[in-house]
Amino acid sequence: MTETDPVSVERAGEHVALVTLRRPPHNYFDVTMIRRLADLYDAADADPSVRVIVLAGEGRNFCAGANFGGDGDRTTAVAFDDAPDGASALYAEATRVFSVGTPVVTAVQGIAIGGGLGLAVSADFRVAGPSTRFCANFSRLGLHQGFGLSVSLPRVVGQQHALDMLLTGRRVGADEAFRFGLADRLVSGDDVAAGADEPAAIREGALALAVELAEAAPLAVRSIRATQRAGLAEEVARVTAHEALEQATLRATADVDEGIAASLERRPPRFAGR
C-alpha cells in the first residue's frame, strides 16, 4: 500500500470486483481517495464482465470520514476536506461515486461515521455485523451534514429516521439499522461469537449478496437499478453545493470549535449557540 494508491481492486469471482479502502484502521478519506474510488467505479462500469462491486474497508472501521484532528486513532470526522480546493473538489468526486452504473454492495464493519456514512449510503446495499455502528455526527460537532446525505439518507431510511440521525448525531446499531433499512443484511452474532473474524465475516456476507445479484440477468439489473436511482447523482450534485456553503458558514462559529474539542477530549460538548 502507498499513499498514492489508497484504494485497491481485485476480482472476487467471475463477475464481482472487490474494491477496498486501504487506510486502516479508520480509512479516513480525502479528495485523492474518493477520486481513486470514482476512477475504479468508472473502470468497472466499462468492463461488461463486472456485474457487481463490493466496497470494503481494511482495518477496524469501514470509514470514519475525513480526518480533521486528533491522534489518528479517533473517529472524529466530517464530510469536508482541508485540501486547497476544499469541499467543492471532494464533492465533485462524491457525485462521480453516486453516478456509478454497476450495483454496489458495501461491507460495513465497525463504524461508518460522518462522510463515511455518506459513502456507505452511496451504495445500493449495506451488510453489517454485531459491532457495526452508523452515525451522522455532524450536529454533535456543530456542523451541517455533507457528502450528499441530505438527499441520500432519506432515500434509504425515510425522512423521519434521517431527521432523527441528523439532528441527534447518535450512533445507530446494526439491529436498529436493519429494522429501518439502513442495513440490508446482518452477519449472525452466533457466527462471530463462535470465533469468526467479524470484518472478514461481514465481507463474506457482502460477497455472497454480490454473487446473488450477479446471477440475475445483468442488462435487466442495470436497467432496473437505473430506474430506481434516477436523478440521484444529479440531486447529490445540487445538494452538495448547498452542504458545502452551510459547512463553510458553520465552521466559522465557536460551536464548531467546541464540538471538535469536546470530541477529541472525549467529553460532552457545551454548545453556546454562537
Protein backbone atom coordinates (compact mmCIF):
# COMPACT_ATOMS: atom_id res chain seq x y z
CA MET A 1 0.00 0.00 0.00
CA THR A 2 1.19 3.52 -0.80
CA GLU A 3 -0.31 6.92 -0.16
CA THR A 4 -0.74 7.34 -3.91
CA ASP A 5 -2.88 4.20 -4.10
CA PRO A 6 -5.33 4.38 -1.18
CA VAL A 7 -7.89 2.11 -2.85
CA SER A 8 -7.29 -1.31 -4.40
CA VAL A 9 -9.35 -3.55 -6.67
CA GLU A 10 -9.30 -7.28 -7.27
CA ARG A 11 -11.60 -9.92 -8.69
CA ALA A 12 -13.64 -11.92 -6.19
CA GLY A 13 -15.24 -14.41 -8.51
CA GLU A 14 -16.14 -14.26 -12.17
CA HIS A 15 -18.37 -11.19 -12.06
CA VAL A 16 -17.57 -9.41 -8.78
CA ALA A 17 -14.99 -6.65 -8.26
CA LEU A 18 -13.80 -6.19 -4.67
CA VAL A 19 -12.79 -2.57 -4.06
CA THR A 20 -11.02 -1.92 -0.75
CA LEU A 21 -10.25 1.32 1.10
CA ARG A 22 -6.69 0.93 2.42
CA ARG A 23 -6.06 3.46 5.14
CA PRO A 24 -6.59 1.36 8.25
CA PRO A 25 -7.67 1.37 10.96
CA HIS A 26 -10.29 4.05 10.16
CA ASN A 27 -9.96 4.65 6.40
CA TYR A 28 -10.17 8.42 6.66
CA PHE A 29 -10.76 9.82 3.19
CA ASP A 30 -9.66 12.86 1.23
CA VAL A 31 -10.06 14.07 -2.35
CA THR A 32 -7.35 11.67 -3.55
CA MET A 33 -9.08 8.61 -2.09
CA ILE A 34 -12.55 9.49 -3.36
CA ARG A 35 -11.18 10.34 -6.81
CA ARG A 36 -9.40 6.98 -6.94
CA LEU A 37 -12.61 5.24 -5.87
CA ALA A 38 -14.58 7.04 -8.59
CA ASP A 39 -11.96 6.06 -11.18
CA LEU A 40 -12.24 2.40 -10.18
CA TYR A 41 -16.02 2.61 -10.39
CA ASP A 42 -15.70 4.06 -13.90
CA ALA A 43 -13.42 1.19 -14.87
CA ALA A 44 -15.92 -1.34 -13.51
CA ASP A 45 -18.71 0.30 -15.49
CA ALA A 46 -16.62 -0.03 -18.66
CA ASP A 47 -15.98 -3.74 -18.09
CA PRO A 48 -19.00 -5.86 -19.08
CA SER A 49 -17.66 -8.83 -17.12
CA VAL A 50 -18.10 -6.87 -13.85
CA ARG A 51 -21.70 -7.17 -12.73
CA VAL A 52 -21.38 -6.14 -9.06
CA ILE A 53 -18.92 -4.14 -6.95
CA VAL A 54 -18.26 -4.91 -3.29
CA LEU A 55 -16.87 -1.92 -1.40
CA ALA A 56 -14.97 -2.77 1.79
CA GLY A 57 -12.59 -1.10 4.22
CA GLU A 58 -9.37 -2.54 5.58
CA GLY A 59 -8.99 -2.45 9.36
CA ARG A 60 -11.26 -1.89 12.32
CA ASN A 61 -13.73 0.57 10.78
CA PHE A 62 -15.31 0.85 7.36
CA CYS A 63 -14.78 4.60 7.06
CA ALA A 64 -14.60 7.44 9.57
CA GLY A 65 -14.99 10.24 7.04
CA ALA A 66 -12.35 12.97 6.77
CA ASN A 67 -9.72 13.23 9.49
CA PHE A 68 -9.58 16.75 10.87
CA GLY A 69 -7.72 16.36 14.09
CA GLY A 70 -6.64 14.21 16.96
CA ASP A 71 -4.13 11.46 17.38
CA GLY A 72 -5.03 9.46 14.29
CA ASP A 73 -6.94 6.92 16.37
CA ARG A 74 -10.19 8.85 16.81
CA THR A 75 -13.36 8.57 14.78
CA THR A 76 -13.93 12.32 14.86
CA ALA A 77 -14.68 13.08 11.26
CA VAL A 78 -16.76 15.23 8.97
CA ALA A 79 -17.52 15.21 5.28
CA PHE A 80 -15.32 18.10 4.16
CA ASP A 81 -11.69 18.19 3.19
CA ASP A 82 -8.99 20.68 4.13
CA ALA A 83 -7.14 20.45 0.81
CA PRO A 84 -6.64 23.77 -1.03
CA ASP A 85 -9.60 23.12 -3.31
CA GLY A 86 -11.68 22.14 -0.30
CA ALA A 87 -15.13 20.64 -0.16
CA SER A 88 -16.03 21.51 -3.75
CA ALA A 89 -13.39 19.14 -5.14
CA LEU A 90 -14.31 16.40 -2.68
CA TYR A 91 -17.98 16.67 -3.51
CA ALA A 92 -17.35 16.67 -7.26
CA GLU A 93 -15.71 13.28 -6.81
CA ALA A 94 -18.52 12.16 -4.50
CA THR A 95 -21.00 12.92 -7.28
CA ARG A 96 -18.98 10.65 -9.56
CA VAL A 97 -19.23 7.89 -6.94
CA PHE A 98 -23.01 8.24 -6.88
CA SER A 99 -23.05 8.10 -10.69
CA VAL A 100 -21.74 4.50 -10.88
CA GLY A 101 -23.83 2.28 -13.14
CA THR A 102 -22.79 -1.03 -11.56
CA PRO A 103 -24.61 -2.23 -8.41
CA VAL A 104 -22.57 -1.71 -5.23
CA VAL A 105 -22.71 -3.72 -2.00
CA THR A 106 -20.86 -2.25 0.99
CA ALA A 107 -19.34 -4.33 3.80
CA VAL A 108 -19.67 -2.10 6.87
CA GLN A 109 -17.55 -3.24 9.80
CA GLY A 110 -17.04 -1.09 12.88
CA ILE A 111 -18.23 2.43 12.29
CA ALA A 112 -19.42 4.40 9.28
CA ILE A 113 -19.42 7.96 10.55
CA GLY A 114 -19.81 11.42 9.00
CA GLY A 115 -18.69 11.28 5.40
CA GLY A 116 -18.07 7.56 5.88
CA LEU A 117 -21.81 7.16 6.42
CA GLY A 118 -22.31 9.16 3.22
CA LEU A 119 -20.03 6.75 1.38
CA ALA A 120 -21.87 3.71 2.78
CA VAL A 121 -25.23 5.18 1.78
CA SER A 122 -23.99 5.84 -1.77
CA ALA A 123 -24.11 2.06 -2.32
CA ASP A 124 -27.20 0.02 -3.12
CA PHE A 125 -26.87 -2.38 -0.18
CA ARG A 126 -25.08 -2.47 3.17
CA VAL A 127 -24.05 -5.62 5.04
CA ALA A 128 -23.38 -5.15 8.77
CA GLY A 129 -22.37 -7.14 11.85
CA PRO A 130 -22.99 -7.05 15.61
CA SER A 131 -20.44 -4.27 16.24
CA THR A 132 -21.42 -2.08 13.26
CA ARG A 133 -22.47 1.48 14.06
CA PHE A 134 -23.83 4.12 11.68
CA CYS A 135 -23.51 7.76 12.73
CA ALA A 136 -24.25 11.16 11.20
CA ASN A 137 -22.25 13.00 13.86
CA PHE A 138 -22.38 16.46 12.29
CA SER A 139 -24.72 18.12 14.80
CA ARG A 140 -22.50 16.87 17.64
CA LEU A 141 -19.67 18.83 16.02
CA GLY A 142 -21.69 21.95 15.27
CA LEU A 143 -21.77 21.28 11.54
CA HIS A 144 -24.16 20.70 8.64
CA GLN A 145 -24.19 17.25 7.06
CA GLY A 146 -22.31 16.62 3.82
CA PHE A 147 -21.39 14.04 1.15
CA GLY A 148 -24.94 14.22 -0.20
CA LEU A 149 -26.54 12.80 2.95
CA SER A 150 -29.23 15.48 2.74
CA VAL A 151 -30.81 13.52 -0.11
CA SER A 152 -29.24 10.05 0.03
CA LEU A 153 -30.08 9.20 3.64
CA PRO A 154 -33.83 9.98 3.39
CA ARG A 155 -33.97 7.88 0.21
CA VAL A 156 -32.71 4.88 2.16
CA VAL A 157 -34.34 5.22 5.59
CA GLY A 158 -37.16 7.71 5.10
CA GLN A 159 -37.41 11.33 6.15
CA GLN A 160 -38.13 10.79 9.86
CA HIS A 161 -35.35 8.28 10.50
CA ALA A 162 -32.97 10.52 8.57
CA LEU A 163 -34.04 13.55 10.61
CA ASP A 164 -33.52 11.59 13.83
CA MET A 165 -29.98 10.58 12.84
CA LEU A 166 -29.00 14.02 11.52
CA LEU A 167 -30.38 16.12 14.39
CA THR A 168 -29.29 13.90 17.28
CA GLY A 169 -25.97 12.71 15.82
CA ARG A 170 -26.46 9.45 17.73
CA ARG A 171 -24.90 6.11 16.82
CA VAL A 172 -27.30 3.58 15.33
CA GLY A 173 -26.51 -0.08 15.97
CA ALA A 174 -26.84 -2.90 13.48
CA ASP A 175 -30.18 -4.26 14.72
CA GLU A 176 -31.88 -0.87 14.63
CA ALA A 177 -30.29 -0.09 11.26
CA PHE A 178 -31.66 -3.36 9.90
CA ARG A 179 -35.16 -2.57 11.18
CA PHE A 180 -35.40 0.68 9.23
CA GLY A 181 -33.47 -0.38 6.14
CA LEU A 182 -30.07 1.20 6.64
CA ALA A 183 -28.53 -2.29 6.86
CA ASP A 184 -29.81 -4.82 4.34
CA ARG A 185 -28.12 -7.97 5.65
CA LEU A 186 -26.74 -8.83 9.11
CA VAL A 187 -23.92 -11.23 9.87
CA SER A 188 -25.00 -13.67 12.56
CA GLY A 189 -23.89 -12.79 16.06
CA ASP A 190 -23.64 -16.52 16.74
CA ASP A 191 -21.08 -16.89 13.96
CA VAL A 192 -18.96 -14.07 15.36
CA ALA A 193 -19.29 -15.39 18.91
CA ALA A 194 -18.13 -18.77 17.67
CA GLY A 195 -14.79 -17.27 16.78
CA ALA A 196 -15.22 -15.82 13.30
CA ASP A 197 -13.34 -12.63 12.44
CA GLU A 198 -16.17 -10.09 12.24
CA PRO A 199 -14.79 -7.83 9.46
CA ALA A 200 -13.99 -10.91 7.39
CA ALA A 201 -17.43 -12.36 8.07
CA ILE A 202 -19.11 -9.12 7.02
CA ARG A 203 -17.04 -9.02 3.85
CA GLU A 204 -18.01 -12.62 3.08
CA GLY A 205 -21.64 -11.69 3.62
CA ALA A 206 -21.30 -8.80 1.18
CA LEU A 207 -19.61 -11.05 -1.37
CA ALA A 208 -22.42 -13.62 -1.00
CA LEU A 209 -25.02 -10.94 -1.72
CA ALA A 210 -22.94 -9.75 -4.69
CA VAL A 211 -22.87 -13.27 -6.14
CA GLU A 212 -26.64 -13.48 -5.75
CA LEU A 213 -27.03 -10.20 -7.64
CA ALA A 214 -24.56 -11.31 -10.31
CA GLU A 215 -26.65 -14.40 -11.03
CA ALA A 216 -29.53 -12.23 -12.27
CA ALA A 217 -29.67 -11.00 -15.88
CA PRO A 218 -27.05 -8.21 -15.97
CA LEU A 219 -28.78 -5.97 -18.52
CA ALA A 220 -32.05 -6.19 -16.61
CA VAL A 221 -30.30 -5.49 -13.29
CA ARG A 222 -28.66 -2.34 -14.65
CA SER A 223 -31.90 -1.20 -16.26
CA ILE A 224 -33.95 -1.71 -13.08
CA ARG A 225 -31.29 -0.08 -10.94
CA ALA A 226 -31.06 2.94 -13.24
CA THR A 227 -34.81 3.44 -12.93
CA GLN A 228 -34.75 3.16 -9.14
CA ARG A 229 -31.78 5.55 -8.79
CA ALA A 230 -32.97 8.01 -11.43
CA GLY A 231 -31.91 11.56 -10.61
CA LEU A 232 -29.89 10.62 -7.51
CA ALA A 233 -26.48 11.72 -8.79
CA GLU A 234 -27.99 14.98 -10.07
CA GLU A 235 -29.60 15.58 -6.67
CA VAL A 236 -26.28 14.90 -4.96
CA ALA A 237 -24.50 17.39 -7.24
CA ARG A 238 -27.08 20.04 -6.38
CA VAL A 239 -27.28 19.42 -2.66
CA THR A 240 -23.53 19.11 -2.03
CA ALA A 241 -23.09 22.66 -3.28
CA HIS A 242 -25.54 23.76 -0.60
CA GLU A 243 -23.95 21.49 2.02
CA ALA A 244 -20.52 22.97 1.34
CA LEU A 245 -21.82 26.51 1.81
CA GLU A 246 -23.55 25.62 5.07
CA GLN A 247 -20.43 23.87 6.34
CA ALA A 248 -18.24 26.84 5.47
CA THR A 249 -20.57 29.18 7.38
CA LEU A 250 -20.77 26.95 10.45
CA ARG A 251 -17.04 26.26 10.54
CA ALA A 252 -16.55 29.92 11.49
CA THR A 253 -18.61 29.54 14.67
CA ALA A 254 -17.49 28.94 18.25
CA ASP A 255 -19.79 25.91 18.42
CA VAL A 256 -17.62 24.07 15.87
CA ASP A 257 -14.51 24.76 17.93
CA GLU A 258 -16.31 23.41 20.99
CA GLY A 259 -17.69 20.38 19.15
CA ILE A 260 -14.28 19.36 17.84
CA ALA A 261 -12.57 19.99 21.19
CA ALA A 262 -15.21 18.02 23.08
CA SER A 263 -14.94 15.06 20.74
CA LEU A 264 -11.15 14.98 20.91
CA GLU A 265 -11.29 15.29 24.69
CA ARG A 266 -13.99 12.61 24.89
CA ARG A 267 -16.47 14.73 26.81
CA PRO A 268 -20.00 16.02 26.13
CA PRO A 269 -19.98 19.30 24.16
CA ARG A 270 -21.20 22.52 25.77
CA PHE A 271 -22.65 24.48 22.87
CA ALA A 272 -23.41 28.18 23.29
CA GLY A 273 -25.25 28.79 20.01
CA ARG A 274 -22.72 31.19 18.58
